[in-house]
Amino acid sequence: MSNPVLYLDDLRIGQKFISSEHVLDAAQIIEYARQFDPQVFHTDPEKARDTFFQGLAASGWHTASITMKLVVESLPMSAGVIGAGVEELSWPQPTRPDDVLHVESEILEIIPSRSKPGRAIVRIRCETKNQRGEVVQSFVPKLLAFKRP
């Protein structure tokens, strides 16, 4: 079942959204890293043991990409998830093979546009968590939202 489309009129400070889950495996981690972040702790499970991560870990940017997918699915904004910036991006825990990720989002602030009525910037805290409830990524995107026509 898909979520209803969200307009600015539907959003409230404190409103929460929870995404579906994404299961991450070693093959996904290695494939992504080979293309976009080719470091040994992302591409080689054996060599990764002797690194800071002490084992294979997903690129933070891979975690961010999965997070984006889950946010898009759980926040069906009327005009799409249009970013106006990101604040407070952090990866407090590495994302590992076999992690089951989901995103918990909460609206922090709605800032109406002074120059363009009918739109606002919405600040949302998004926490990507694994199956143990550990936060593997946290950030506050600023999204553009539009009033219902």
N, C-alpha and C. Protein backbone atom coordinates (compact mmCIF):
# COMPACT_ATOMS: atom_id res chain seq x y z
N MET A 1 0.84 -1.18 0.00
CA MET A 1 0.00 0.00 0.00
C MET A 1 0.88 1.24 0.00
N SER A 2 0.62 2.18 -0.89
CA SER A 2 1.44 3.38 -0.96
C SER A 2 0.89 4.45 -0.02
N ASN A 3 1.78 5.34 0.41
CA ASN A 3 1.39 6.43 1.28
C ASN A 3 0.70 7.51 0.47
N PRO A 4 -0.23 8.26 1.08
CA PRO A 4 -0.84 9.38 0.36
C PRO A 4 0.20 10.47 0.11
N VAL A 5 0.00 11.23 -0.94
CA VAL A 5 0.91 12.33 -1.27
C VAL A 5 0.78 13.41 -0.20
N LEU A 6 1.92 13.96 0.23
CA LEU A 6 1.94 14.96 1.29
C LEU A 6 2.18 16.36 0.73
N TYR A 7 1.34 17.28 1.17
CA TYR A 7 1.50 18.70 0.87
C TYR A 7 1.90 19.41 2.15
N LEU A 8 2.36 20.64 2.02
CA LEU A 8 2.72 21.46 3.16
C LEU A 8 1.59 21.49 4.18
N ASP A 9 0.35 21.57 3.71
CA ASP A 9 -0.82 21.64 4.59
C ASP A 9 -0.95 20.41 5.49
N ASP A 10 -0.36 19.29 5.08
CA ASP A 10 -0.47 18.03 5.82
C ASP A 10 0.60 17.88 6.90
N LEU A 11 1.60 18.74 6.89
CA LEU A 11 2.77 18.57 7.75
C LEU A 11 2.64 19.35 9.05
N ARG A 12 3.10 18.74 10.15
CA ARG A 12 3.06 19.37 11.47
C ARG A 12 4.39 19.13 12.19
N ILE A 13 4.84 20.10 12.97
CA ILE A 13 6.03 19.93 13.79
C ILE A 13 5.78 18.77 14.75
N GLY A 14 6.75 17.88 14.86
CA GLY A 14 6.63 16.71 15.72
C GLY A 14 6.07 15.48 15.01
N GLN A 15 5.58 15.67 13.80
CA GLN A 15 5.03 14.54 13.03
C GLN A 15 6.16 13.57 12.71
N LYS A 16 5.86 12.26 12.82
CA LYS A 16 6.89 11.23 12.62
C LYS A 16 6.51 10.30 11.48
N PHE A 17 7.54 9.79 10.85
CA PHE A 17 7.40 8.86 9.73
C PHE A 17 8.42 7.73 9.93
N ILE A 18 8.01 6.51 9.64
CA ILE A 18 8.91 5.36 9.72
C ILE A 18 8.90 4.66 8.37
N SER A 19 10.08 4.41 7.85
CA SER A 19 10.20 3.79 6.53
C SER A 19 10.05 2.27 6.60
N SER A 20 10.04 1.67 5.43
CA SER A 20 10.16 0.22 5.32
C SER A 20 11.63 -0.13 5.62
N GLU A 21 11.98 -1.40 5.46
CA GLU A 21 13.34 -1.86 5.75
C GLU A 21 14.12 -2.17 4.47
N HIS A 22 15.42 -2.07 4.60
CA HIS A 22 16.34 -2.48 3.52
C HIS A 22 17.37 -3.41 4.13
N VAL A 23 17.50 -4.60 3.59
CA VAL A 23 18.50 -5.56 4.05
C VAL A 23 19.76 -5.37 3.21
N LEU A 24 20.87 -5.12 3.88
CA LEU A 24 22.14 -4.86 3.21
C LEU A 24 23.03 -6.09 3.32
N ASP A 25 23.61 -6.51 2.22
CA ASP A 25 24.53 -7.65 2.29
C ASP A 25 25.91 -7.24 1.78
N ALA A 26 26.87 -8.13 1.97
CA ALA A 26 28.25 -7.84 1.60
C ALA A 26 28.39 -7.53 0.12
N ALA A 27 27.66 -8.24 -0.72
CA ALA A 27 27.77 -8.00 -2.17
C ALA A 27 27.36 -6.58 -2.53
N GLN A 28 26.29 -6.07 -1.91
CA GLN A 28 25.86 -4.69 -2.18
C GLN A 28 26.94 -3.70 -1.74
N ILE A 29 27.51 -3.93 -0.55
CA ILE A 29 28.54 -3.04 -0.02
C ILE A 29 29.74 -2.98 -0.97
N ILE A 30 30.20 -4.14 -1.40
CA ILE A 30 31.38 -4.21 -2.27
C ILE A 30 31.09 -3.59 -3.64
N GLU A 31 29.93 -3.90 -4.21
CA GLU A 31 29.58 -3.36 -5.53
C GLU A 31 29.51 -1.83 -5.51
N TYR A 32 28.83 -1.28 -4.51
CA TYR A 32 28.74 0.18 -4.40
C TYR A 32 30.14 0.79 -4.24
N ALA A 33 30.92 0.23 -3.33
CA ALA A 33 32.24 0.79 -3.03
C ALA A 33 33.18 0.72 -4.23
N ARG A 34 33.13 -0.35 -4.98
CA ARG A 34 34.01 -0.45 -6.16
C ARG A 34 33.75 0.69 -7.13
N GLN A 35 32.50 1.12 -7.23
CA GLN A 35 32.16 2.21 -8.14
C GLN A 35 32.40 3.59 -7.54
N PHE A 36 32.09 3.76 -6.26
CA PHE A 36 31.99 5.12 -5.72
C PHE A 36 32.89 5.44 -4.52
N ASP A 37 33.42 4.44 -3.83
CA ASP A 37 34.26 4.70 -2.65
C ASP A 37 35.24 3.54 -2.48
N PRO A 38 36.17 3.38 -3.44
CA PRO A 38 37.02 2.19 -3.49
C PRO A 38 38.13 2.17 -2.43
N GLN A 39 37.74 1.94 -1.21
CA GLN A 39 38.69 1.80 -0.12
C GLN A 39 38.60 0.37 0.41
N VAL A 40 39.70 -0.16 0.86
CA VAL A 40 39.81 -1.57 1.20
C VAL A 40 38.79 -2.02 2.26
N PHE A 41 38.45 -1.15 3.19
CA PHE A 41 37.49 -1.54 4.24
C PHE A 41 36.06 -1.61 3.71
N HIS A 42 35.85 -1.16 2.46
CA HIS A 42 34.55 -1.28 1.80
C HIS A 42 34.55 -2.37 0.71
N THR A 43 35.72 -2.76 0.23
CA THR A 43 35.78 -3.63 -0.95
C THR A 43 36.37 -5.02 -0.71
N ASP A 44 37.09 -5.22 0.39
CA ASP A 44 37.78 -6.49 0.60
C ASP A 44 37.57 -6.99 2.03
N PRO A 45 36.67 -7.95 2.23
CA PRO A 45 36.37 -8.44 3.59
C PRO A 45 37.60 -8.92 4.36
N GLU A 46 38.55 -9.55 3.68
CA GLU A 46 39.76 -10.06 4.35
C GLU A 46 40.65 -8.90 4.83
N LYS A 47 40.99 -8.01 3.91
CA LYS A 47 41.86 -6.89 4.26
C LYS A 47 41.18 -5.92 5.23
N ALA A 48 39.86 -5.86 5.19
CA ALA A 48 39.11 -4.95 6.06
C ALA A 48 39.29 -5.29 7.54
N ARG A 49 39.62 -6.55 7.84
CA ARG A 49 39.82 -6.97 9.24
C ARG A 49 40.96 -6.21 9.91
N ASP A 50 41.95 -5.82 9.11
CA ASP A 50 43.13 -5.14 9.66
C ASP A 50 43.03 -3.62 9.60
N THR A 51 41.82 -3.11 9.45
CA THR A 51 41.62 -1.66 9.38
C THR A 51 40.92 -1.16 10.64
N PHE A 52 40.75 0.13 10.71
CA PHE A 52 40.01 0.77 11.79
C PHE A 52 38.66 0.10 12.04
N PHE A 53 37.98 -0.33 10.97
CA PHE A 53 36.64 -0.90 11.07
C PHE A 53 36.64 -2.36 11.51
N GLN A 54 37.79 -3.02 11.46
CA GLN A 54 37.93 -4.42 11.86
C GLN A 54 36.93 -5.34 11.17
N GLY A 55 36.67 -5.05 9.92
CA GLY A 55 35.75 -5.85 9.12
C GLY A 55 35.10 -4.98 8.06
N LEU A 56 34.40 -5.63 7.16
CA LEU A 56 33.76 -4.92 6.05
C LEU A 56 32.72 -3.94 6.59
N ALA A 57 32.76 -2.72 6.08
CA ALA A 57 31.79 -1.68 6.46
C ALA A 57 31.34 -0.97 5.19
N ALA A 58 30.07 -0.62 5.16
CA ALA A 58 29.54 0.12 4.01
C ALA A 58 30.09 1.55 4.02
N SER A 59 30.28 2.09 2.85
CA SER A 59 30.62 3.51 2.72
C SER A 59 29.50 4.33 3.36
N GLY A 60 29.86 5.41 4.01
CA GLY A 60 28.83 6.30 4.54
C GLY A 60 27.91 6.81 3.44
N TRP A 61 28.49 6.99 2.25
CA TRP A 61 27.69 7.48 1.12
C TRP A 61 26.73 6.40 0.62
N HIS A 62 27.08 5.14 0.80
CA HIS A 62 26.16 4.05 0.48
C HIS A 62 24.99 4.08 1.46
N THR A 63 25.32 4.23 2.75
CA THR A 63 24.26 4.35 3.76
C THR A 63 23.37 5.55 3.44
N ALA A 64 23.98 6.65 3.02
CA ALA A 64 23.20 7.84 2.66
C ALA A 64 22.29 7.57 1.46
N SER A 65 22.77 6.81 0.50
CA SER A 65 21.95 6.47 -0.68
C SER A 65 20.76 5.60 -0.30
N ILE A 66 21.00 4.62 0.56
CA ILE A 66 19.90 3.77 1.04
C ILE A 66 18.92 4.62 1.83
N THR A 67 19.45 5.50 2.66
CA THR A 67 18.59 6.39 3.44
C THR A 67 17.70 7.22 2.53
N MET A 68 18.27 7.76 1.46
CA MET A 68 17.49 8.56 0.52
C MET A 68 16.34 7.75 -0.06
N LYS A 69 16.62 6.53 -0.47
CA LYS A 69 15.57 5.65 -1.01
C LYS A 69 14.45 5.46 0.01
N LEU A 70 14.82 5.19 1.26
CA LEU A 70 13.82 4.94 2.29
C LEU A 70 13.04 6.21 2.65
N VAL A 71 13.71 7.36 2.63
CA VAL A 71 13.02 8.63 2.90
C VAL A 71 12.02 8.93 1.78
N VAL A 72 12.43 8.75 0.54
CA VAL A 72 11.52 9.00 -0.59
C VAL A 72 10.27 8.13 -0.47
N GLU A 73 10.45 6.87 -0.08
CA GLU A 73 9.31 5.97 0.05
C GLU A 73 8.41 6.33 1.22
N SER A 74 8.98 6.83 2.31
CA SER A 74 8.18 7.09 3.52
C SER A 74 7.69 8.53 3.63
N LEU A 75 8.22 9.44 2.82
CA LEU A 75 7.80 10.84 2.80
C LEU A 75 7.39 11.22 1.38
N PRO A 76 6.22 10.79 0.94
CA PRO A 76 5.83 11.04 -0.46
C PRO A 76 5.37 12.49 -0.67
N MET A 77 6.35 13.38 -0.71
CA MET A 77 6.06 14.81 -0.89
C MET A 77 5.44 15.04 -2.27
N SER A 78 4.52 15.98 -2.34
CA SER A 78 3.73 16.21 -3.55
C SER A 78 4.59 16.50 -4.78
N ALA A 79 5.69 17.21 -4.61
CA ALA A 79 6.55 17.56 -5.75
C ALA A 79 7.84 16.74 -5.74
N GLY A 80 7.90 15.70 -4.90
CA GLY A 80 9.12 14.92 -4.74
C GLY A 80 9.91 15.42 -3.55
N VAL A 81 10.91 14.67 -3.14
CA VAL A 81 11.77 15.07 -2.03
C VAL A 81 12.85 15.97 -2.60
N ILE A 82 12.60 17.28 -2.53
CA ILE A 82 13.50 18.28 -3.10
C ILE A 82 14.33 18.87 -1.96
N GLY A 83 15.62 18.61 -1.98
CA GLY A 83 16.49 19.08 -0.92
C GLY A 83 16.99 20.49 -1.16
N ALA A 84 17.01 21.27 -0.07
CA ALA A 84 17.56 22.62 -0.12
C ALA A 84 18.84 22.70 0.72
N GLY A 85 19.30 21.56 1.18
CA GLY A 85 20.51 21.51 1.99
C GLY A 85 20.42 20.42 3.04
N VAL A 86 21.55 20.18 3.68
CA VAL A 86 21.64 19.16 4.72
C VAL A 86 22.45 19.72 5.88
N GLU A 87 22.00 19.45 7.08
CA GLU A 87 22.72 19.86 8.29
C GLU A 87 23.03 18.63 9.13
N GLU A 88 24.07 18.71 9.91
CA GLU A 88 24.35 17.73 10.96
C GLU A 88 24.49 16.29 10.47
N LEU A 89 25.11 16.07 9.33
CA LEU A 89 25.30 14.71 8.82
C LEU A 89 26.36 13.99 9.65
N SER A 90 26.00 12.80 10.15
CA SER A 90 26.98 12.00 10.89
C SER A 90 26.70 10.51 10.70
N TRP A 91 27.76 9.73 10.86
CA TRP A 91 27.69 8.28 10.81
C TRP A 91 28.28 7.75 12.12
N PRO A 92 27.49 7.68 13.19
CA PRO A 92 28.03 7.30 14.49
C PRO A 92 28.43 5.84 14.63
N GLN A 93 27.93 4.98 13.78
CA GLN A 93 28.24 3.55 13.79
C GLN A 93 28.45 3.11 12.35
N PRO A 94 29.35 2.18 12.08
CA PRO A 94 29.45 1.67 10.72
C PRO A 94 28.24 0.80 10.35
N THR A 95 27.89 0.83 9.09
CA THR A 95 26.85 -0.06 8.57
C THR A 95 27.57 -1.32 8.08
N ARG A 96 27.04 -2.47 8.48
CA ARG A 96 27.71 -3.74 8.24
C ARG A 96 26.89 -4.67 7.35
N PRO A 97 27.54 -5.69 6.78
CA PRO A 97 26.78 -6.71 6.04
C PRO A 97 25.71 -7.32 6.95
N ASP A 98 24.56 -7.58 6.37
CA ASP A 98 23.40 -8.17 7.04
C ASP A 98 22.67 -7.21 7.96
N ASP A 99 23.05 -5.94 7.97
CA ASP A 99 22.24 -4.96 8.70
C ASP A 99 20.90 -4.80 8.00
N VAL A 100 19.88 -4.62 8.81
CA VAL A 100 18.53 -4.35 8.32
C VAL A 100 18.24 -2.91 8.71
N LEU A 101 18.18 -2.04 7.71
CA LEU A 101 18.07 -0.60 7.95
C LEU A 101 16.65 -0.09 7.76
N HIS A 102 16.30 0.90 8.57
CA HIS A 102 15.07 1.66 8.36
C HIS A 102 15.35 3.09 8.80
N VAL A 103 14.49 4.02 8.39
CA VAL A 103 14.68 5.43 8.72
C VAL A 103 13.50 5.92 9.55
N GLU A 104 13.82 6.60 10.64
CA GLU A 104 12.81 7.26 11.46
C GLU A 104 13.00 8.76 11.28
N SER A 105 11.94 9.44 10.85
CA SER A 105 12.02 10.87 10.56
C SER A 105 11.03 11.63 11.42
N GLU A 106 11.42 12.85 11.81
CA GLU A 106 10.54 13.72 12.60
C GLU A 106 10.68 15.15 12.11
N ILE A 107 9.55 15.80 11.89
CA ILE A 107 9.56 17.20 11.46
C ILE A 107 9.96 18.08 12.64
N LEU A 108 11.02 18.87 12.45
CA LEU A 108 11.53 19.76 13.49
C LEU A 108 11.02 21.18 13.35
N GLU A 109 10.91 21.65 12.11
CA GLU A 109 10.60 23.06 11.89
C GLU A 109 10.00 23.24 10.50
N ILE A 110 9.05 24.15 10.40
CA ILE A 110 8.46 24.52 9.11
C ILE A 110 8.66 26.02 8.96
N ILE A 111 9.41 26.42 7.94
CA ILE A 111 9.77 27.83 7.75
C ILE A 111 9.10 28.33 6.48
N PRO A 112 7.99 29.07 6.61
CA PRO A 112 7.30 29.58 5.41
C PRO A 112 8.20 30.54 4.62
N SER A 113 8.09 30.47 3.31
CA SER A 113 8.85 31.38 2.45
C SER A 113 8.23 32.78 2.55
N ARG A 114 9.08 33.79 2.72
CA ARG A 114 8.58 35.17 2.74
C ARG A 114 8.40 35.71 1.34
N SER A 115 9.16 35.18 0.39
CA SER A 115 9.10 35.72 -0.97
C SER A 115 8.20 34.91 -1.90
N LYS A 116 7.92 33.67 -1.54
CA LYS A 116 7.11 32.80 -2.41
C LYS A 116 6.03 32.12 -1.59
N PRO A 117 4.89 32.78 -1.44
CA PRO A 117 3.79 32.17 -0.68
C PRO A 117 3.42 30.82 -1.30
N GLY A 118 2.99 29.92 -0.45
CA GLY A 118 2.61 28.61 -0.96
C GLY A 118 3.70 27.58 -0.85
N ARG A 119 4.84 27.97 -0.31
CA ARG A 119 5.91 27.01 -0.11
C ARG A 119 6.65 27.29 1.19
N ALA A 120 7.39 26.29 1.64
CA ALA A 120 8.14 26.43 2.88
C ALA A 120 9.33 25.47 2.85
N ILE A 121 10.28 25.74 3.72
CA ILE A 121 11.37 24.80 3.98
C ILE A 121 10.99 24.02 5.23
N VAL A 122 11.10 22.71 5.14
CA VAL A 122 10.77 21.83 6.26
C VAL A 122 12.05 21.14 6.70
N ARG A 123 12.43 21.36 7.97
CA ARG A 123 13.61 20.69 8.54
C ARG A 123 13.15 19.41 9.21
N ILE A 124 13.79 18.31 8.86
CA ILE A 124 13.38 16.99 9.34
C ILE A 124 14.61 16.25 9.86
N ARG A 125 14.55 15.75 11.09
CA ARG A 125 15.64 14.89 11.57
C ARG A 125 15.37 13.48 11.07
N CYS A 126 16.36 12.90 10.40
CA CYS A 126 16.25 11.54 9.87
C CYS A 126 17.35 10.69 10.52
N GLU A 127 16.94 9.63 11.16
CA GLU A 127 17.89 8.69 11.75
C GLU A 127 17.74 7.34 11.07
N THR A 128 18.83 6.86 10.52
CA THR A 128 18.86 5.53 9.93
C THR A 128 19.35 4.59 11.01
N LYS A 129 18.55 3.55 11.27
CA LYS A 129 18.87 2.62 12.35
C LYS A 129 18.99 1.20 11.81
N ASN A 130 19.81 0.41 12.49
CA ASN A 130 19.93 -1.00 12.12
C ASN A 130 18.95 -1.84 12.95
N GLN A 131 19.02 -3.14 12.79
CA GLN A 131 18.09 -4.05 13.44
C GLN A 131 18.21 -4.06 14.96
N ARG A 132 19.29 -3.53 15.50
CA ARG A 132 19.48 -3.43 16.95
C ARG A 132 19.05 -2.06 17.49
N GLY A 133 18.55 -1.21 16.60
CA GLY A 133 18.14 0.13 17.01
C GLY A 133 19.28 1.11 17.12
N GLU A 134 20.48 0.72 16.66
CA GLU A 134 21.63 1.61 16.69
C GLU A 134 21.56 2.58 15.52
N VAL A 135 21.84 3.85 15.78
CA VAL A 135 21.85 4.85 14.73
C VAL A 135 23.14 4.70 13.92
N VAL A 136 22.99 4.48 12.61
CA VAL A 136 24.15 4.36 11.72
C VAL A 136 24.33 5.62 10.87
N GLN A 137 23.29 6.44 10.79
CA GLN A 137 23.39 7.73 10.12
C GLN A 137 22.33 8.65 10.70
N SER A 138 22.70 9.91 10.85
CA SER A 138 21.75 10.93 11.29
C SER A 138 22.02 12.19 10.49
N PHE A 139 20.95 12.85 10.08
CA PHE A 139 21.11 14.13 9.41
C PHE A 139 19.80 14.89 9.45
N VAL A 140 19.89 16.18 9.16
CA VAL A 140 18.71 17.05 9.13
C VAL A 140 18.64 17.67 7.74
N PRO A 141 17.85 17.06 6.85
CA PRO A 141 17.67 17.69 5.54
C PRO A 141 16.69 18.85 5.63
N LYS A 142 16.89 19.80 4.75
CA LYS A 142 15.94 20.91 4.58
C LYS A 142 15.22 20.65 3.26
N LEU A 143 13.92 20.35 3.35
CA LEU A 143 13.15 19.98 2.17
C LEU A 143 12.19 21.07 1.77
N LEU A 144 11.97 21.20 0.49
CA LEU A 144 11.01 22.16 -0.05
C LEU A 144 9.64 21.50 -0.08
N ALA A 145 8.65 22.17 0.50
CA ALA A 145 7.28 21.64 0.50
C ALA A 145 6.33 22.70 -0.05
N PHE A 146 5.30 22.24 -0.73
CA PHE A 146 4.34 23.12 -1.39
C PHE A 146 2.94 22.92 -0.83
N LYS A 147 2.19 24.03 -0.75
CA LYS A 147 0.79 23.95 -0.32
C LYS A 147 -0.04 23.24 -1.38
N ARG A 148 -1.14 22.68 -0.94
CA ARG A 148 -2.08 22.02 -1.84
C ARG A 148 -2.63 23.06 -2.82
N PRO A 149 -2.72 22.70 -4.11
CA PRO A 149 -3.22 23.68 -5.10
C PRO A 149 -4.69 24.01 -4.87
